[in-house]
C-alpha atoms as a PDB file:
ATOM      1  CA  UNK A   1      65.935 150.617  91.086  1.00  0.00           C
ATOM      2  CA  UNK A   2      67.819 152.567  93.711  1.00  0.00           C
ATOM      3  CA  UNK A   3      71.385 151.449  94.314  1.00  0.00           C
ATOM      4  CA  UNK A   4      73.623 152.187  97.277  1.00  0.00           C
ATOM      5  CA  UNK A   5      75.158 155.291  95.669  1.00  0.00           C
ATOM      6  CA  UNK A   6      71.692 156.799  95.041  1.00  0.00           C
ATOM      7  CA  UNK A   7      70.550 156.046  98.580  1.00  0.00           C
ATOM      8  CA  UNK A   8      73.754 157.411 100.132  1.00  0.00           C
ATOM      9  CA  UNK A   9      73.425 160.642  98.144  1.00  0.00           C
ATOM     10  CA  UNK A  10      69.745 161.050  99.063  1.00  0.00           C
ATOM     11  CA  UNK A  11      70.276 160.456 102.786  1.00  0.00           C
ATOM     12  CA  UNK A  12      73.419 162.599 102.783  1.00  0.00           C
ATOM     13  CA  UNK A  13      71.445 165.535 101.441  1.00  0.00           C
ATOM     14  CA  UNK A  14      68.576 164.816 103.841  1.00  0.00           C
ATOM     15  CA  UNK A  15      70.978 164.930 106.788  1.00  0.00           C
ATOM     16  CA  UNK A  16      72.698 168.123 105.619  1.00  0.00           C
ATOM     17  CA  UNK A  17      69.368 169.905 105.203  1.00  0.00           C
ATOM     18  CA  UNK A  18      67.285 168.559 108.076  1.00  0.00           C
ATOM     19  CA  UNK A  19      69.487 167.042 110.840  1.00  0.00           C
ATOM     20  CA  UNK A  20      68.579 168.731 114.115  1.00  0.00           C
ATOM     21  CA  UNK A  21      65.121 169.643 112.863  1.00  0.00           C
ATOM     22  CA  UNK A  22      62.092 168.339 114.787  1.00  0.00           C
ATOM     23  CA  UNK A  23      60.933 166.874 111.445  1.00  0.00           C
ATOM     24  CA  UNK A  24      64.087 164.841 110.801  1.00  0.00           C
ATOM     25  CA  UNK A  25      62.831 161.463 112.072  1.00  0.00           C
ATOM     26  CA  UNK A  26      59.553 161.737 110.140  1.00  0.00           C
ATOM     27  CA  UNK A  27      61.362 162.827 106.989  1.00  0.00           C
ATOM     28  CA  UNK A  28      63.769 159.902 107.322  1.00  0.00           C
ATOM     29  CA  UNK A  29      60.845 157.466 107.599  1.00  0.00           C
ATOM     30  CA  UNK A  30      59.204 159.101 104.578  1.00  0.00           C
ATOM     31  CA  UNK A  31      62.458 158.728 102.624  1.00  0.00           C
ATOM     32  CA  UNK A  32      62.603 154.987 103.334  1.00  0.00           C
ATOM     33  CA  UNK A  33      58.952 154.586 102.335  1.00  0.00           C
ATOM     34  CA  UNK A  34      59.411 156.762  99.259  1.00  0.00           C
ATOM     35  CA  UNK A  35      62.369 154.723  98.022  1.00  0.00           C
ATOM     36  CA  UNK A  36      60.351 151.517  98.412  1.00  0.00           C
ATOM     37  CA  UNK A  37      57.344 153.027  96.610  1.00  0.00           C
ATOM     38  CA  UNK A  38      59.538 154.345  93.824  1.00  0.00           C
ATOM     39  CA  UNK A  39      61.246 150.975  93.348  1.00  0.00           C
ATOM     40  CA  UNK A  40      57.805 149.321  93.237  1.00  0.00           C
ATOM     41  CA  UNK A  41      56.591 151.793  90.594  1.00  0.00           C
ATOM     42  CA  UNK A  42      53.956 153.248  92.931  1.00  0.00           C
ATOM     43  CA  UNK A  43      53.011 156.951  93.121  1.00  0.00           C
ATOM     44  CA  UNK A  44      54.748 159.094  95.722  1.00  0.00           C
ATOM     45  CA  UNK A  45      52.543 162.163  95.863  1.00  0.00           C
ATOM     46  CA  UNK A  46      49.978 162.391  98.667  1.00  0.00           C
ATOM     47  CA  UNK A  47      51.782 159.597 100.530  1.00  0.00           C
ATOM     48  CA  UNK A  48      54.976 161.276 101.665  1.00  0.00           C
ATOM     49  CA  UNK A  49      56.229 164.771 102.423  1.00  0.00           C
ATOM     50  CA  UNK A  50      56.783 166.939  99.314  1.00  0.00           C
ATOM     51  CA  UNK A  51      60.332 167.711 100.520  1.00  0.00           C
ATOM     52  CA  UNK A  52      61.139 164.009 100.267  1.00  0.00           C
ATOM     53  CA  UNK A  53      59.409 163.665  96.894  1.00  0.00           C
ATOM     54  CA  UNK A  54      61.756 166.382  95.609  1.00  0.00           C
ATOM     55  CA  UNK A  55      64.811 164.590  97.057  1.00  0.00           C
ATOM     56  CA  UNK A  56      63.753 161.285  95.519  1.00  0.00           C
ATOM     57  CA  UNK A  57      63.160 162.911  92.138  1.00  0.00           C
ATOM     58  CA  UNK A  58      66.626 164.484  92.314  1.00  0.00           C
ATOM     59  CA  UNK A  59      68.443 161.278  93.364  1.00  0.00           C
ATOM     60  CA  UNK A  60      66.424 158.544  91.654  1.00  0.00           C
ATOM     61  CA  UNK A  61      68.216 156.378  89.125  1.00  0.00           C
ATOM     62  CA  UNK A  62      67.846 157.543  85.560  1.00  0.00           C
ATOM     63  CA  UNK A  63      66.201 155.009  83.241  1.00  0.00           C
END
């Protein structure tokens, strides 16, 4: 399950890479959805942007 440190790191990287981009709001929404799907054990692919899937994979808690 994602904890605050994981979420802060993910959104920090998202902001550094995409703030100011026309896609930023959509990517932020996808990140919130992706975190919820990941915590629920649901698949991410085909539901959210591949850029966000990569961020979630990088910042997700290790088992």
